[in-house]
């Protein structure tokens, strides 16, 4: 009798555990359905986004590419104002660069016959004040006249 009672208790415990597992299975199934629905929604949104991106790409290809408009100075820079603060040596360097193109500081030094230090300071000053551009990808730096300065220098040479 004791064995039967023990067996009955064990069966009751097992039945409770099976019932708990069934409830967990039902909740898990419901959550899986919910997650599956959300994934479906995400897939739809992703497909719609991909279509929109593709449409935008088609529209972008149809738009003609216009060359960028050059912006000229609203107020013309006068030669006197632009060149007034410069010394004769600085003007000579700008003219050399405008006529002969890009040069390094040692090349400029050879032309203006000044010391290496003086030439380096002079080129740094012209660069910092915006008269020349410098290519810092090379050592020694290569300098060239900015386009605005080339125009100013060109106008003055034409007048002379």
N, C-alpha and C. Protein backbone atom coordinates (compact mmCIF):
# COMPACT_ATOMS: atom_id res chain seq x y z
N UNK A 1 0.81 -1.18 0.00
CA UNK A 1 0.00 0.00 0.00
C UNK A 1 0.87 1.27 0.00
N UNK A 2 1.95 1.19 0.80
CA UNK A 2 2.86 2.32 0.88
C UNK A 2 3.48 2.61 -0.50
N UNK A 3 3.80 1.54 -1.19
CA UNK A 3 4.40 1.72 -2.51
C UNK A 3 3.42 2.38 -3.47
N UNK A 4 2.16 2.03 -3.36
CA UNK A 4 1.14 2.60 -4.24
C UNK A 4 0.95 4.08 -3.90
N UNK A 5 0.91 4.38 -2.60
CA UNK A 5 0.76 5.77 -2.18
C UNK A 5 1.96 6.61 -2.66
N UNK A 6 3.17 6.06 -2.52
CA UNK A 6 4.37 6.75 -2.98
C UNK A 6 4.31 6.96 -4.50
N UNK A 7 3.87 5.95 -5.20
CA UNK A 7 3.74 6.04 -6.66
C UNK A 7 2.74 7.11 -7.05
N UNK A 8 1.61 7.17 -6.28
CA UNK A 8 0.57 8.18 -6.56
C UNK A 8 1.12 9.60 -6.37
N UNK A 9 1.87 9.77 -5.26
CA UNK A 9 2.47 11.10 -5.01
C UNK A 9 3.43 11.48 -6.13
N UNK A 10 4.23 10.52 -6.54
CA UNK A 10 5.19 10.77 -7.61
C UNK A 10 4.47 11.12 -8.91
N UNK A 11 3.38 10.42 -9.18
CA UNK A 11 2.59 10.71 -10.38
C UNK A 11 1.97 12.11 -10.30
N UNK A 12 1.50 12.49 -9.11
CA UNK A 12 0.90 13.82 -8.93
C UNK A 12 1.97 14.91 -9.17
N UNK A 13 3.17 14.67 -8.61
CA UNK A 13 4.27 15.64 -8.83
C UNK A 13 4.63 15.73 -10.31
N UNK A 14 4.69 14.57 -10.95
CA UNK A 14 5.03 14.52 -12.37
C UNK A 14 3.95 15.21 -13.19
N UNK A 15 2.68 14.99 -12.82
CA UNK A 15 1.56 15.62 -13.53
C UNK A 15 1.64 17.14 -13.40
N UNK A 16 1.99 17.65 -12.20
CA UNK A 16 2.12 19.10 -11.98
C UNK A 16 3.25 19.67 -12.85
N UNK A 17 4.36 18.92 -12.89
CA UNK A 17 5.49 19.38 -13.70
C UNK A 17 5.14 19.39 -15.18
N UNK A 18 4.44 18.39 -15.66
CA UNK A 18 4.03 18.33 -17.06
C UNK A 18 3.10 19.49 -17.37
N UNK A 19 2.19 19.80 -16.42
CA UNK A 19 1.27 20.91 -16.61
C UNK A 19 2.05 22.23 -16.70
N UNK A 20 3.07 22.42 -15.80
CA UNK A 20 3.90 23.62 -15.84
C UNK A 20 4.63 23.74 -17.18
N UNK A 21 5.17 22.61 -17.65
CA UNK A 21 5.89 22.60 -18.93
C UNK A 21 4.94 22.97 -20.06
N UNK A 22 3.70 22.48 -20.01
CA UNK A 22 2.71 22.80 -21.05
C UNK A 22 2.41 24.29 -21.07
N UNK A 23 2.27 24.89 -19.87
CA UNK A 23 2.01 26.33 -19.78
C UNK A 23 3.18 27.13 -20.33
N UNK A 24 4.41 26.71 -19.98
CA UNK A 24 5.60 27.40 -20.49
C UNK A 24 5.65 27.28 -22.01
N UNK A 25 5.32 26.09 -22.52
CA UNK A 25 5.33 25.87 -23.96
C UNK A 25 4.33 26.79 -24.64
N UNK A 26 3.14 26.95 -24.08
CA UNK A 26 2.12 27.83 -24.66
C UNK A 26 2.58 29.28 -24.67
N UNK A 27 3.16 29.74 -23.52
CA UNK A 27 3.67 31.13 -23.47
C UNK A 27 4.79 31.33 -24.48
N UNK A 28 5.69 30.36 -24.56
CA UNK A 28 6.82 30.44 -25.49
C UNK A 28 6.32 30.47 -26.92
N UNK A 29 5.32 29.67 -27.23
CA UNK A 29 4.74 29.64 -28.58
C UNK A 29 4.13 31.00 -28.92
N UNK A 30 3.42 31.60 -27.96
CA UNK A 30 2.81 32.91 -28.18
C UNK A 30 3.89 33.96 -28.43
N UNK A 31 4.97 33.91 -27.65
CA UNK A 31 6.06 34.86 -27.83
C UNK A 31 6.74 34.65 -29.18
N UNK A 32 6.89 33.40 -29.60
CA UNK A 32 7.48 33.12 -30.91
C UNK A 32 6.63 33.70 -32.03
N UNK A 33 5.33 33.59 -31.92
CA UNK A 33 4.42 34.14 -32.92
C UNK A 33 4.57 35.66 -32.96
N UNK A 34 4.65 36.27 -31.78
CA UNK A 34 4.82 37.74 -31.70
C UNK A 34 6.15 38.17 -32.33
N UNK A 35 7.23 37.48 -32.00
CA UNK A 35 8.55 37.81 -32.56
C UNK A 35 8.54 37.61 -34.07
N UNK A 36 7.91 36.55 -34.53
CA UNK A 36 7.82 36.28 -35.96
C UNK A 36 7.08 37.41 -36.67
N UNK A 37 6.01 37.91 -36.05
CA UNK A 37 5.27 39.03 -36.62
C UNK A 37 6.12 40.29 -36.70
N UNK A 38 6.87 40.55 -35.67
CA UNK A 38 7.75 41.74 -35.66
C UNK A 38 8.83 41.62 -36.73
N UNK A 39 9.38 40.43 -36.87
CA UNK A 39 10.41 40.22 -37.90
C UNK A 39 9.81 40.46 -39.28
N UNK A 40 8.59 39.98 -39.49
CA UNK A 40 7.90 40.21 -40.76
C UNK A 40 7.73 41.69 -41.04
N UNK A 41 7.33 42.46 -40.01
CA UNK A 41 7.19 43.90 -40.17
C UNK A 41 8.52 44.55 -40.52
N UNK A 42 9.59 44.14 -39.84
CA UNK A 42 10.92 44.70 -40.12
C UNK A 42 11.36 44.40 -41.54
N UNK A 43 11.08 43.20 -42.01
CA UNK A 43 11.44 42.83 -43.38
C UNK A 43 10.70 43.72 -44.37
N UNK A 44 9.42 43.97 -44.11
CA UNK A 44 8.64 44.86 -45.00
C UNK A 44 9.23 46.27 -45.01
N UNK A 45 9.52 46.79 -43.83
CA UNK A 45 10.09 48.14 -43.74
C UNK A 45 11.44 48.19 -44.47
N UNK A 46 12.24 47.16 -44.30
CA UNK A 46 13.55 47.12 -44.96
C UNK A 46 13.38 47.10 -46.48
N UNK A 47 12.44 46.32 -46.98
CA UNK A 47 12.19 46.25 -48.42
C UNK A 47 11.72 47.59 -48.94
N UNK A 48 10.81 48.26 -48.20
CA UNK A 48 10.33 49.58 -48.61
C UNK A 48 11.46 50.58 -48.64
N UNK A 49 12.33 50.55 -47.63
CA UNK A 49 13.47 51.46 -47.58
C UNK A 49 14.41 51.21 -48.75
N UNK A 50 14.65 49.95 -49.07
CA UNK A 50 15.52 49.63 -50.21
C UNK A 50 14.92 50.16 -51.50
N UNK A 51 13.60 50.04 -51.66
CA UNK A 51 12.93 50.56 -52.86
C UNK A 51 13.08 52.08 -52.94
N UNK A 52 12.88 52.76 -51.81
CA UNK A 52 13.01 54.22 -51.79
C UNK A 52 14.42 54.65 -52.13
N UNK A 53 15.41 53.94 -51.60
CA UNK A 53 16.81 54.27 -51.90
C UNK A 53 17.08 54.07 -53.39
N UNK A 54 16.55 53.01 -53.94
CA UNK A 54 16.73 52.74 -55.38
C UNK A 54 16.08 53.84 -56.21
N UNK A 55 14.87 54.26 -55.81
CA UNK A 55 14.18 55.34 -56.53
C UNK A 55 14.98 56.64 -56.44
N UNK A 56 15.51 56.95 -55.27
CA UNK A 56 16.32 58.15 -55.12
C UNK A 56 17.56 58.09 -55.99
N UNK A 57 18.17 56.90 -56.08
CA UNK A 57 19.34 56.74 -56.94
C UNK A 57 18.98 57.01 -58.39
N UNK A 58 17.81 56.54 -58.84
CA UNK A 58 17.38 56.79 -60.21
C UNK A 58 17.15 58.27 -60.44
N UNK A 59 16.51 58.91 -59.49
CA UNK A 59 16.26 60.36 -59.59
C UNK A 59 17.57 61.11 -59.62
N UNK A 60 18.50 60.72 -58.77
CA UNK A 60 19.80 61.40 -58.69
C UNK A 60 20.54 61.29 -60.03
N UNK A 61 20.45 60.12 -60.67
CA UNK A 61 21.13 59.95 -61.96
C UNK A 61 20.50 60.81 -63.04
N UNK A 62 19.21 61.13 -62.89
CA UNK A 62 18.53 61.95 -63.89
C UNK A 62 18.86 63.43 -63.76
N UNK A 63 19.26 63.85 -62.56
CA UNK A 63 19.56 65.26 -62.33
C UNK A 63 20.86 65.61 -63.02
N UNK A 64 20.84 66.61 -63.89
CA UNK A 64 22.09 66.98 -64.58
C UNK A 64 23.08 67.59 -63.61
N UNK A 65 24.31 67.24 -63.80
CA UNK A 65 25.37 67.76 -62.94
C UNK A 65 25.81 69.10 -63.51
N UNK A 66 25.68 70.11 -62.70
CA UNK A 66 26.10 71.44 -63.12
C UNK A 66 27.47 71.73 -62.54
N UNK A 67 28.30 72.36 -63.32
CA UNK A 67 29.60 72.72 -62.75
C UNK A 67 29.40 73.72 -61.62
N UNK A 68 30.24 73.60 -60.62
CA UNK A 68 30.12 74.50 -59.48
C UNK A 68 30.40 75.94 -59.92
N UNK A 69 29.56 76.81 -59.45
CA UNK A 69 29.72 78.22 -59.80
C UNK A 69 30.91 78.78 -59.03
N UNK A 70 31.72 79.53 -59.76
CA UNK A 70 32.85 80.17 -59.09
C UNK A 70 32.33 81.41 -58.39
N UNK A 71 32.76 81.58 -57.19
CA UNK A 71 32.33 82.73 -56.41
C UNK A 71 33.42 83.79 -56.51
N UNK A 72 33.05 84.88 -57.08
CA UNK A 72 33.97 85.99 -57.18
C UNK A 72 33.74 86.89 -55.97
N UNK A 73 34.72 87.63 -55.65
CA UNK A 73 34.61 88.55 -54.54
C UNK A 73 33.55 89.59 -54.84
N UNK A 74 32.66 89.84 -53.89
CA UNK A 74 31.61 90.82 -54.09
C UNK A 74 32.21 92.20 -54.22
N UNK A 75 33.16 92.47 -53.36
CA UNK A 75 33.85 93.76 -53.41
C UNK A 75 35.21 93.50 -54.03
N UNK A 76 35.47 94.07 -55.19
CA UNK A 76 36.76 93.80 -55.82
C UNK A 76 37.92 94.28 -54.94
N UNK A 77 38.94 93.48 -54.88
CA UNK A 77 40.12 93.85 -54.10
C UNK A 77 41.00 94.73 -54.97
N UNK A 78 41.32 95.86 -54.46
CA UNK A 78 42.15 96.78 -55.22
C UNK A 78 43.61 96.43 -55.04
N UNK A 79 44.35 96.64 -56.07
CA UNK A 79 45.78 96.32 -56.06
C UNK A 79 46.48 97.02 -54.90
N UNK A 80 46.15 98.28 -54.71
CA UNK A 80 46.83 99.07 -53.68
C UNK A 80 46.61 98.45 -52.29
N UNK A 81 45.38 98.03 -52.02
CA UNK A 81 45.08 97.47 -50.70
C UNK A 81 45.72 96.10 -50.53
N UNK A 82 45.67 95.29 -51.56
CA UNK A 82 46.18 93.93 -51.46
C UNK A 82 47.70 93.90 -51.39
N UNK A 83 48.33 94.77 -52.11
CA UNK A 83 49.79 94.72 -52.21
C UNK A 83 50.50 95.76 -51.35
N UNK A 84 49.77 96.69 -50.75
CA UNK A 84 50.38 97.75 -49.96
C UNK A 84 51.24 97.25 -48.80
N UNK A 85 50.80 96.25 -48.04
CA UNK A 85 51.61 95.83 -46.89
C UNK A 85 52.85 95.03 -47.27
N UNK A 86 53.03 94.71 -48.54
CA UNK A 86 54.14 93.85 -48.94
C UNK A 86 55.40 94.66 -49.25
N UNK A 87 56.53 94.05 -48.95
CA UNK A 87 57.81 94.67 -49.27
C UNK A 87 58.15 94.37 -50.73
N UNK A 88 59.17 95.02 -51.23
CA UNK A 88 59.61 94.77 -52.61
C UNK A 88 60.01 93.31 -52.80
N UNK A 89 60.69 92.75 -51.80
CA UNK A 89 61.12 91.35 -51.89
C UNK A 89 59.91 90.42 -51.94
N UNK A 90 58.90 90.68 -51.11
CA UNK A 90 57.71 89.85 -51.11
C UNK A 90 56.97 89.95 -52.45
N UNK A 91 56.89 91.16 -52.98
CA UNK A 91 56.27 91.34 -54.29
C UNK A 91 57.03 90.58 -55.37
N UNK A 92 58.36 90.64 -55.27
CA UNK A 92 59.20 89.93 -56.25
C UNK A 92 58.95 88.42 -56.18
N UNK A 93 58.83 87.88 -54.96
CA UNK A 93 58.56 86.45 -54.78
C UNK A 93 57.21 86.10 -55.40
N UNK A 94 56.20 86.93 -55.14
CA UNK A 94 54.87 86.67 -55.72
C UNK A 94 54.91 86.69 -57.24
N UNK A 95 55.65 87.63 -57.80
CA UNK A 95 55.76 87.70 -59.26
C UNK A 95 56.49 86.48 -59.82
N UNK A 96 57.53 86.02 -59.13
CA UNK A 96 58.26 84.83 -59.58
C UNK A 96 57.32 83.63 -59.57
N UNK A 97 56.57 83.47 -58.49
CA UNK A 97 55.65 82.34 -58.40
C UNK A 97 54.53 82.44 -59.44
N UNK A 98 54.04 83.66 -59.69
CA UNK A 98 52.97 83.84 -60.67
C UNK A 98 53.46 83.51 -62.07
N UNK A 99 54.68 83.90 -62.38
CA UNK A 99 55.22 83.69 -63.73
C UNK A 99 55.71 82.26 -63.94
N UNK A 100 56.40 81.70 -62.95
CA UNK A 100 57.09 80.42 -63.14
C UNK A 100 56.37 79.24 -62.49
N UNK A 101 55.35 79.49 -61.70
CA UNK A 101 54.61 78.40 -61.08
C UNK A 101 55.19 77.98 -59.75
N UNK A 102 54.80 76.81 -59.30
CA UNK A 102 55.15 76.29 -57.98
C UNK A 102 56.66 76.16 -57.77
N UNK A 103 57.12 76.60 -56.60
CA UNK A 103 58.55 76.52 -56.26
C UNK A 103 58.71 76.21 -54.78
N UNK A 104 59.83 75.60 -54.44
CA UNK A 104 60.15 75.33 -53.03
C UNK A 104 60.91 76.52 -52.47
N UNK A 105 61.02 76.57 -51.14
CA UNK A 105 61.75 77.67 -50.50
C UNK A 105 63.21 77.73 -50.96
N UNK A 106 63.93 76.60 -51.08
CA UNK A 106 65.30 76.69 -51.58
C UNK A 106 65.39 77.26 -53.00
N UNK A 107 64.43 76.93 -53.85
CA UNK A 107 64.43 77.49 -55.22
C UNK A 107 64.19 79.00 -55.18
N UNK A 108 63.29 79.41 -54.31
CA UNK A 108 63.01 80.85 -54.17
C UNK A 108 64.24 81.55 -53.60
N UNK A 109 64.89 80.92 -52.61
CA UNK A 109 66.09 81.50 -52.00
C UNK A 109 67.15 81.75 -53.06
N UNK A 110 67.35 80.80 -53.96
CA UNK A 110 68.35 80.97 -55.02
C UNK A 110 68.02 82.16 -55.91
N UNK A 111 66.74 82.44 -56.12
CA UNK A 111 66.33 83.54 -56.99
C UNK A 111 66.44 84.90 -56.31
N UNK A 112 66.11 84.97 -55.01
CA UNK A 112 66.09 86.28 -54.35
C UNK A 112 67.37 86.58 -53.56
N UNK A 113 68.26 85.59 -53.50
CA UNK A 113 69.59 85.77 -52.89
C UNK A 113 69.54 86.23 -51.43
N UNK A 114 68.66 85.59 -50.64
CA UNK A 114 68.61 85.86 -49.21
C UNK A 114 69.00 84.59 -48.46
N UNK A 115 69.12 84.68 -47.14
CA UNK A 115 69.50 83.49 -46.36
C UNK A 115 68.34 82.50 -46.32
N UNK A 116 68.67 81.29 -45.95
CA UNK A 116 67.65 80.24 -45.83
C UNK A 116 66.60 80.64 -44.80
N UNK A 117 67.05 81.15 -43.65
CA UNK A 117 66.14 81.53 -42.57
C UNK A 117 65.21 82.66 -43.01
N UNK A 118 65.81 83.67 -43.66
CA UNK A 118 65.02 84.82 -44.10
C UNK A 118 63.96 84.36 -45.11
N UNK A 119 64.36 83.52 -46.03
CA UNK A 119 63.43 83.03 -47.04
C UNK A 119 62.32 82.20 -46.40
N UNK A 120 62.69 81.35 -45.45
CA UNK A 120 61.69 80.51 -44.78
C UNK A 120 60.67 81.38 -44.04
N UNK A 121 61.14 82.40 -43.32
CA UNK A 121 60.23 83.30 -42.61
C UNK A 121 59.34 84.07 -43.59
N UNK A 122 59.92 84.53 -44.68
CA UNK A 122 59.19 85.29 -45.69
C UNK A 122 58.06 84.42 -46.28
N UNK A 123 58.37 83.17 -46.62
CA UNK A 123 57.37 82.28 -47.22
C UNK A 123 56.28 81.93 -46.21
N UNK A 124 56.69 81.74 -44.96
CA UNK A 124 55.70 81.46 -43.92
C UNK A 124 54.76 82.64 -43.76
N UNK A 125 55.29 83.85 -43.77
CA UNK A 125 54.47 85.06 -43.65
C UNK A 125 53.49 85.16 -44.82
N UNK A 126 53.98 84.95 -46.04
CA UNK A 126 53.11 85.04 -47.21
C UNK A 126 52.01 83.97 -47.15
N UNK A 127 52.35 82.82 -46.63
CA UNK A 127 51.36 81.74 -46.50
C UNK A 127 50.32 82.09 -45.44
N UNK A 128 50.76 82.53 -44.27
CA UNK A 128 49.84 82.84 -43.17
C UNK A 128 48.94 84.02 -43.49
N UNK A 129 49.42 84.95 -44.30
CA UNK A 129 48.61 86.11 -44.66
C UNK A 129 47.73 85.84 -45.88
N UNK A 130 47.83 84.65 -46.44
CA UNK A 130 46.91 84.25 -47.50
C UNK A 130 47.32 84.62 -48.91
N UNK A 131 48.56 85.00 -49.13
CA UNK A 131 49.00 85.35 -50.47
C UNK A 131 49.37 84.11 -51.29
N UNK A 132 49.87 83.08 -50.62
CA UNK A 132 50.29 81.86 -51.32
C UNK A 132 49.68 80.64 -50.66
N UNK A 133 49.62 79.56 -51.42
CA UNK A 133 49.21 78.25 -50.91
C UNK A 133 50.47 77.42 -50.78
N UNK A 134 50.42 76.41 -49.89
CA UNK A 134 51.59 75.57 -49.75
C UNK A 134 51.19 74.11 -49.76
N UNK A 135 51.99 73.33 -50.46
CA UNK A 135 51.80 71.89 -50.54
C UNK A 135 52.67 71.27 -49.45
N UNK A 136 52.03 70.90 -48.34
CA UNK A 136 52.80 70.36 -47.22
C UNK A 136 53.04 68.86 -47.38
N UNK A 137 52.64 68.30 -48.52
CA UNK A 137 52.89 66.89 -48.79
C UNK A 137 54.31 66.65 -49.24
N UNK A 138 55.00 67.70 -49.58
CA UNK A 138 56.39 67.59 -50.03
C UNK A 138 57.29 68.25 -49.00
N UNK A 139 58.50 67.77 -48.91
CA UNK A 139 59.49 68.43 -48.07
C UNK A 139 60.70 68.67 -48.96
N UNK A 140 61.14 69.90 -49.12
CA UNK A 140 60.60 71.13 -48.55
C UNK A 140 59.25 71.47 -49.17
N UNK A 141 58.48 72.31 -48.44
CA UNK A 141 57.16 72.71 -48.92
C UNK A 141 57.27 73.36 -50.29
N UNK A 142 56.23 73.12 -51.10
CA UNK A 142 56.15 73.78 -52.40
C UNK A 142 55.11 74.88 -52.29
N UNK A 143 55.44 76.06 -52.78
CA UNK A 143 54.55 77.22 -52.69
C UNK A 143 54.05 77.60 -54.07
N UNK A 144 52.81 78.10 -54.11
CA UNK A 144 52.25 78.64 -55.36
C UNK A 144 51.34 79.82 -55.00
N UNK A 145 51.22 80.74 -55.94
CA UNK A 145 50.41 81.94 -55.72
C UNK A 145 48.94 81.54 -55.74
N UNK A 146 48.15 82.10 -54.83
CA UNK A 146 46.71 81.86 -54.84
C UNK A 146 46.12 82.49 -56.09
N UNK A 147 45.01 81.93 -56.53
CA UNK A 147 44.39 82.39 -57.77
C UNK A 147 43.98 83.86 -57.69
N UNK A 148 43.47 84.31 -56.53
CA UNK A 148 43.09 85.71 -56.40
C UNK A 148 44.29 86.63 -56.59
N UNK A 149 45.42 86.23 -56.01
CA UNK A 149 46.63 87.04 -56.15
C UNK A 149 47.13 87.01 -57.59
N UNK A 150 47.01 85.86 -58.25
CA UNK A 150 47.43 85.76 -59.66
C UNK A 150 46.63 86.76 -60.50
N UNK A 151 45.31 86.87 -60.21
CA UNK A 151 44.49 87.82 -60.96
C UNK A 151 44.93 89.26 -60.70
N UNK A 152 45.19 89.56 -59.43
CA UNK A 152 45.63 90.92 -59.09
C UNK A 152 46.96 91.23 -59.76
N UNK A 153 47.90 90.29 -59.67
CA UNK A 153 49.20 90.51 -60.28
C UNK A 153 49.08 90.58 -61.80
N UNK A 154 48.20 89.78 -62.38
CA UNK A 154 48.00 89.79 -63.84
C UNK A 154 47.43 91.09 -64.30
N UNK A 155 46.47 91.66 -63.55
CA UNK A 155 45.88 92.94 -63.91
C UNK A 155 46.91 94.05 -63.85
N UNK A 156 47.79 93.98 -62.85
CA UNK A 156 48.77 95.06 -62.73
C UNK A 156 49.81 94.95 -63.81
N UNK A 157 50.19 93.73 -64.20
CA UNK A 157 51.17 93.58 -65.28
C UNK A 157 50.59 94.05 -66.61
N UNK A 158 49.27 93.78 -66.81
CA UNK A 158 48.61 94.21 -68.04
C UNK A 158 48.57 95.73 -68.11
N UNK A 159 48.36 96.38 -66.96
CA UNK A 159 48.31 97.84 -66.93
C UNK A 159 49.68 98.44 -67.19
N UNK A 160 50.72 97.78 -66.68
CA UNK A 160 52.05 98.30 -66.84
C UNK A 160 52.45 98.17 -68.29
